[in-house]
Protein backbone atom coordinates (compact mmCIF):
# COMPACT_ATOMS: atom_id res chain seq x y z
CA UNK A 1 -9.62 -20.97 4.19
CA UNK A 2 -10.54 -17.27 3.44
CA UNK A 3 -7.90 -15.05 4.20
CA UNK A 4 -8.31 -11.21 4.23
CA UNK A 5 -5.27 -8.83 4.50
CA UNK A 6 -6.95 -5.47 5.11
CA UNK A 7 -3.50 -3.08 4.30
CA UNK A 8 -3.47 0.56 5.36
CA UNK A 9 -1.11 2.67 3.24
CA UNK A 10 0.39 5.68 3.98
CA UNK A 11 1.94 5.04 7.63
CA UNK A 12 4.07 7.77 8.76
CA UNK A 13 2.19 10.36 6.29
CA UNK A 14 1.05 12.83 9.37
CA UNK A 15 -0.33 12.59 12.92
CA UNK A 16 -3.61 12.14 12.00
CA UNK A 17 -3.22 9.22 9.41
CA UNK A 18 -0.73 7.50 11.85
CA UNK A 19 -3.86 8.14 14.32
CA UNK A 20 -6.67 6.67 12.08
CA UNK A 21 -5.25 3.82 11.18
CA UNK A 22 -4.15 2.23 14.85
CA UNK A 23 -7.83 2.71 15.52
CA UNK A 24 -8.90 0.93 12.00
CA UNK A 25 -7.06 -1.95 13.50
CA UNK A 26 -7.88 -1.86 16.92
CA UNK A 27 -11.65 -1.15 16.27
CA UNK A 28 -11.94 -2.76 12.99
CA UNK A 29 -10.78 -4.65 10.31
CA UNK A 30 -7.19 -3.10 9.85
CA UNK A 31 -4.44 -5.96 9.76
CA UNK A 32 -1.96 -4.50 8.05
CA UNK A 33 -0.01 -1.33 7.03
CA UNK A 34 2.30 0.01 5.07
CA UNK A 35 5.22 2.85 6.17
CA UNK A 36 6.51 5.59 4.85
CA UNK A 37 10.23 5.97 5.65
CA UNK A 38 10.18 10.00 5.07
CA UNK A 39 6.63 10.65 6.27
CA UNK A 40 6.11 13.37 8.86
CA UNK A 41 5.32 11.81 11.82
CA UNK A 42 7.72 8.55 10.69
CA UNK A 43 9.05 9.26 14.42
CA UNK A 44 5.93 8.38 16.03
CA UNK A 45 5.78 4.50 14.57
CA UNK A 46 7.93 2.64 16.45
CA UNK A 47 5.58 3.46 19.49
CA UNK A 48 2.99 2.53 17.39
CA UNK A 49 4.55 -1.28 16.63
CA UNK A 50 5.66 -1.73 20.05
CA UNK A 51 1.59 -0.94 21.21
CA UNK A 52 0.37 -2.93 18.23
CA UNK A 53 2.39 -6.29 18.13
CA UNK A 54 -0.57 -7.75 15.36
CA UNK A 55 -0.40 -4.60 13.20
CA UNK A 56 1.91 -6.10 10.52
CA UNK A 57 4.24 -3.19 8.96
CA UNK A 58 5.25 -3.18 5.27
CA UNK A 59 7.41 -0.60 3.23
CA UNK A 60 5.70 1.82 1.32
CA UNK A 61 8.35 2.56 -1.35
CA UNK A 62 8.04 6.30 -2.44
CA UNK A 63 9.62 7.82 -5.36
CA UNK A 64 7.29 10.61 -5.18
CA UNK A 65 6.57 12.83 -2.13
CA UNK A 66 8.62 14.42 0.49
CA UNK A 67 12.45 14.39 0.97
CA UNK A 68 14.80 11.61 0.34
CA UNK A 69 15.81 9.01 3.01
CA UNK A 70 19.07 8.32 1.23
CA UNK A 71 22.19 11.56 0.68
CA UNK A 72 20.59 13.75 -2.05
CA UNK A 73 23.89 14.15 -3.44
CA UNK A 74 23.09 10.46 -4.54
CA UNK A 75 19.85 10.22 -5.80
CA UNK A 76 19.88 13.75 -7.22
CA UNK A 77 18.17 12.32 -10.19
CA UNK A 78 14.99 11.72 -8.52
CA UNK A 79 14.54 15.11 -7.28
CA UNK A 80 12.88 18.44 -8.28
CA UNK A 81 13.64 21.72 -8.06
CA UNK A 82 12.99 21.32 -4.03
CA UNK A 83 15.45 18.92 -3.21
CA UNK A 84 12.21 16.55 -2.43
CA UNK A 85 11.31 13.16 -4.26
CA UNK A 86 9.37 14.38 -7.30
CA UNK A 87 6.35 12.69 -10.35
CA UNK A 88 4.07 10.07 -10.02
CA UNK A 89 4.17 6.86 -11.67
CA UNK A 90 3.13 8.18 -15.46
CA UNK A 91 6.10 10.52 -15.04
CA UNK A 92 8.69 7.46 -14.16
CA UNK A 93 7.23 5.27 -17.08
CA UNK A 94 7.73 8.03 -19.24
CA UNK A 95 11.41 8.66 -17.67
CA UNK A 96 11.85 4.49 -18.18
CA UNK A 97 10.73 4.52 -21.84
CA UNK A 98 13.30 7.58 -22.49
CA UNK A 99 16.12 5.90 -20.18
CA UNK A 100 16.29 8.75 -18.22
CA UNK A 101 15.38 7.36 -14.64
CA UNK A 102 18.50 6.41 -12.97
CA UNK A 103 17.73 3.18 -11.38
CA UNK A 104 20.62 3.07 -9.44
CA UNK A 105 19.04 5.57 -7.72
CA UNK A 106 16.20 3.84 -7.60
CA UNK A 107 17.88 1.39 -5.59
CA UNK A 108 19.87 3.34 -3.42
CA UNK A 109 16.92 5.19 -2.24
CA UNK A 110 14.41 2.19 -1.72
CA UNK A 111 17.36 1.01 0.25
CA UNK A 112 17.92 3.93 2.37
CA UNK A 113 13.83 3.60 3.24
CA UNK A 114 14.16 -0.24 4.11
CA UNK A 115 17.13 0.41 6.36
CA UNK A 116 15.87 3.25 8.28
CA UNK A 117 12.88 0.85 9.20
CA UNK A 118 14.72 -1.89 9.51
CA UNK A 119 17.39 0.45 11.59
CA UNK A 120 14.03 1.87 13.92
CA UNK A 121 13.89 -2.03 15.36
CA UNK A 122 10.39 -2.89 12.68
CA UNK A 123 10.85 -5.89 10.84
CA UNK A 124 8.93 -5.39 7.53
CA UNK A 125 6.27 -8.23 6.69
CA UNK A 126 6.33 -6.86 2.91
CA UNK A 127 6.97 -4.70 0.38
CA UNK A 128 5.06 -2.33 -1.75
CA UNK A 129 4.71 0.98 -3.24
CA UNK A 130 3.43 4.39 -2.80
CA UNK A 131 1.04 5.11 -5.70
CA UNK A 132 1.93 1.19 -6.98
CA UNK A 133 5.32 2.90 -8.42
CA UNK A 134 7.43 -0.59 -7.44
CA UNK A 135 5.03 -2.37 -10.66
CA UNK A 136 6.20 -0.64 -13.38
CA UNK A 137 9.11 -2.62 -15.15
CA UNK A 138 12.65 -2.87 -14.38
CA UNK A 139 11.39 -0.76 -10.82
CA UNK A 140 9.61 -4.44 -9.41
CA UNK A 141 12.68 -6.50 -10.05
CA UNK A 142 14.97 -3.67 -8.11
CA UNK A 143 12.04 -4.11 -5.10
CA UNK A 144 12.53 -7.85 -5.56
CA UNK A 145 16.14 -7.26 -5.29
CA UNK A 146 16.21 -5.08 -2.15
CA UNK A 147 13.53 -7.56 -0.62
CA UNK A 148 15.68 -10.91 -0.77
CA UNK A 149 18.62 -7.98 0.42
CA UNK A 150 16.81 -7.00 3.63
CA UNK A 151 15.07 -10.56 4.73
CA UNK A 152 11.74 -9.94 3.39
CA UNK A 153 9.72 -12.53 2.93
CA UNK A 154 6.46 -11.05 1.04
CA UNK A 155 5.42 -8.41 -1.68
CA UNK A 156 1.97 -6.65 -3.12
CA UNK A 157 1.11 -7.17 -6.69
CA UNK A 158 -1.04 -4.71 -7.73
CA UNK A 159 -3.17 -6.96 -10.00
CA UNK A 160 -6.87 -5.78 -9.13
CA UNK A 161 -9.08 -8.95 -9.45
CA UNK A 162 -11.95 -7.37 -12.38
CA UNK A 163 -14.84 -9.46 -10.03
CA UNK A 164 -13.35 -7.88 -6.58
CA UNK A 165 -13.44 -4.68 -8.35
CA UNK A 166 -16.70 -5.07 -9.18
CA UNK A 167 -17.77 -6.35 -5.79
CA UNK A 168 -16.43 -2.63 -4.27
CA UNK A 169 -18.27 -0.53 -6.39
CA UNK A 170 -21.45 -1.89 -4.96
CA UNK A 171 -23.24 1.50 -3.85
CA UNK A 172 -22.66 3.96 -6.63
CA UNK A 173 -25.45 5.27 -8.76
CA UNK A 174 -23.26 5.06 -11.62
CA UNK A 175 -19.16 5.51 -12.43
CA UNK A 176 -17.22 8.70 -11.26
CA UNK A 177 -14.55 9.85 -13.10
CA UNK A 178 -12.26 8.75 -10.21
CA UNK A 179 -13.40 5.30 -10.66
CA UNK A 180 -13.37 5.30 -14.18
CA UNK A 181 -9.39 6.77 -13.65
CA UNK A 182 -8.52 4.44 -11.00
CA UNK A 183 -10.25 1.64 -13.09
CA UNK A 184 -8.02 2.22 -16.32
CA UNK A 185 -4.93 2.79 -13.75
CA UNK A 186 -5.53 -0.52 -12.46
CA UNK A 187 -5.57 -2.28 -15.36
CA UNK A 188 -2.70 -0.27 -16.87
CA UNK A 189 -0.96 -1.55 -13.97
CA UNK A 190 -1.93 -5.18 -14.55
CA UNK A 191 -0.61 -5.21 -17.96
CA UNK A 192 3.10 -3.27 -17.10
CA UNK A 193 3.52 -5.89 -14.07
CA UNK A 194 2.20 -8.74 -15.90
CA UNK A 195 5.15 -11.01 -15.47
CA UNK A 196 5.22 -9.53 -11.46
CA UNK A 197 4.11 -12.69 -9.97
CA UNK A 198 6.22 -14.95 -11.74
CA UNK A 199 8.86 -13.10 -10.59
CA UNK A 200 8.33 -12.91 -7.12
CA UNK A 201 7.51 -16.35 -7.10
CA UNK A 202 10.75 -17.07 -8.57
CA UNK A 203 12.79 -15.01 -6.03
CA UNK A 204 10.96 -17.17 -3.53
CA UNK A 205 8.86 -14.23 -2.24
CA UNK A 206 5.19 -14.69 -0.70
CA UNK A 207 2.00 -12.61 -2.49
CA UNK A 208 -1.52 -12.55 -1.90
CA UNK A 209 -3.82 -14.48 -4.49
CA UNK A 210 -5.69 -11.58 -5.18
CA UNK A 211 -5.44 -7.86 -4.64
CA UNK A 212 -8.44 -5.14 -4.94
CA UNK A 213 -8.99 -1.31 -3.87
CA UNK A 214 -7.07 0.22 -6.70
CA UNK A 215 -10.57 1.57 -8.89
CA UNK A 216 -12.18 2.57 -5.30
CA UNK A 217 -9.29 4.44 -3.69
CA UNK A 218 -10.83 7.69 -1.76
CA UNK A 219 -14.54 6.48 -2.84
CA UNK A 220 -14.88 3.47 -0.74
CA UNK A 221 -18.61 2.60 0.32
CA UNK A 222 -19.91 0.54 3.10
CA UNK A 223 -22.53 -1.94 0.66
CA UNK A 224 -19.14 -2.21 -1.38
CA UNK A 225 -17.31 -3.83 1.63
CA UNK A 226 -19.73 -5.47 2.63
CA UNK A 227 -20.10 -7.37 -0.84
CA UNK A 228 -16.65 -8.07 -0.82
CA UNK A 229 -16.89 -9.89 2.32
CA UNK A 230 -19.90 -11.86 1.40
CA UNK A 231 -18.16 -12.73 -2.10
CA UNK A 232 -14.62 -13.31 -0.37
CA UNK A 233 -12.79 -15.72 -3.22
CA UNK A 234 -10.83 -19.10 -1.42
CA UNK A 235 -7.30 -18.17 -0.55
CA UNK A 236 -5.63 -14.78 0.37
CA UNK A 237 -7.02 -11.27 -0.85
CA UNK A 238 -5.39 -8.20 0.10
CA UNK A 239 -7.70 -5.06 0.07
CA UNK A 240 -6.12 -2.07 0.32
CA UNK A 241 -7.27 1.45 2.12
CA UNK A 242 -6.44 4.51 3.63
CA UNK A 243 -8.13 5.71 6.59
CA UNK A 244 -6.92 8.39 8.44
CA UNK A 245 -7.96 11.72 10.41
CA UNK A 246 -7.46 15.23 8.94
CA UNK A 247 -5.06 17.28 10.44
CA UNK A 248 -3.05 20.15 9.15
CA UNK A 249 0.08 18.27 8.29
CA UNK A 250 -2.60 16.48 5.60
CA UNK A 251 -4.39 19.41 4.62
CA UNK A 252 -0.64 20.87 3.58
CA UNK A 253 0.63 18.15 1.93
CA UNK A 254 0.30 16.98 -1.94
CA UNK A 255 -2.42 14.21 -1.37
CA UNK A 256 -6.47 14.31 -3.12
CA UNK A 257 -7.00 11.97 -0.20
CA UNK A 258 -8.21 13.86 2.62
CA UNK A 259 -12.19 13.33 4.27
CA UNK A 260 -12.26 10.30 2.14
CA UNK A 261 -9.66 9.15 4.88
CA UNK A 262 -12.06 9.65 7.75
CA UNK A 263 -14.96 7.87 6.02
CA UNK A 264 -12.97 5.12 5.20
CA UNK A 265 -12.25 4.66 8.76
CA UNK A 266 -15.49 5.13 9.81
CA UNK A 267 -16.48 2.47 7.19
CA UNK A 268 -13.22 -0.15 8.29
CA UNK A 269 -14.56 0.46 11.84
CA UNK A 270 -18.10 -0.44 11.24
CA UNK A 271 -19.44 -3.02 14.01
CA UNK A 272 -21.53 -4.98 11.26
CA UNK A 273 -18.80 -5.41 8.51
CA UNK A 274 -16.69 -7.28 11.99
CA UNK A 275 -20.07 -9.48 12.42
CA UNK A 276 -19.96 -10.57 8.32
CA UNK A 277 -16.10 -11.63 8.74
CA UNK A 278 -17.26 -13.51 11.82
CA UNK A 279 -19.92 -15.07 10.25
CA UNK A 280 -18.18 -15.58 6.95
CA UNK A 281 -15.26 -17.21 8.77
CA UNK A 282 -13.04 -14.81 7.52
CA UNK A 283 -9.30 -15.14 8.61
CA UNK A 284 -7.88 -11.60 9.27
CA UNK A 285 -4.44 -11.74 8.79
CA UNK A 286 -1.23 -9.55 7.51
CA UNK A 287 1.89 -10.32 5.40
CA UNK A 288 3.76 -11.72 8.14
CA UNK A 289 1.42 -15.30 8.09
CA UNK A 290 1.26 -15.40 4.26
CA UNK A 291 4.73 -15.96 4.26
CA UNK A 292 4.88 -18.33 7.12
CA UNK A 293 2.86 -20.65 4.84
CA UNK A 294 4.67 -19.81 1.96
């Protein structure tokens, strides 16, 4: 059996991102999404969840963007001069190496993010990380502990399969700077989190068998997705995506993923891909079904 989770990251970022994710679910391949508890458009998500019961919603654990969810005084070591969460995975890795990242504050902030989502009436299907920060050494263990605490039964292991990365790269005349950089990031995450799958399994958390989408973030092609579907391996694969519509809030926010979100949405809603899923006997699922089968 070939199962496919098509996860749309960044639900809650802006209203335009929310609309793009919902359209890609209703008209396309998206089966799952991960929610930013501190996103500008979080308030819309309760309605989205109620009106789209088959859309699995996970928690997009965040240490890089927006205001904290916990009280600022309790997570001051995670905040920049503006009072917002600040610093990407590279910054967090450096601070881990220097032992200057307050792990208790990380756990406090992530616990607050999960609790906010659960209080809104959403039981998360899984945990994953904004910019894959949950894969860093020491932080994955925190994510696992919080999953157990909140009754969340699955977690993303962002180990990008090299063969799937090559399939998704189809349709490009050469490797772009972004693709090269993101390919290095994918390999680095696999090295940094090499024990992640074992840690998850030991804790009784379900994971997908395969994961892909890092190297092609922002540069996805229709041909690449077609090649992925044509050669999807047996088992369960998570394909990470970032659909959305560009609105004023998105343009003002600190993300390089702008027009690429609209192009990804069009790809994910392509009718030819839906036919390919059917003819290949691929079952579109979310993490809730993975957890049930574990």
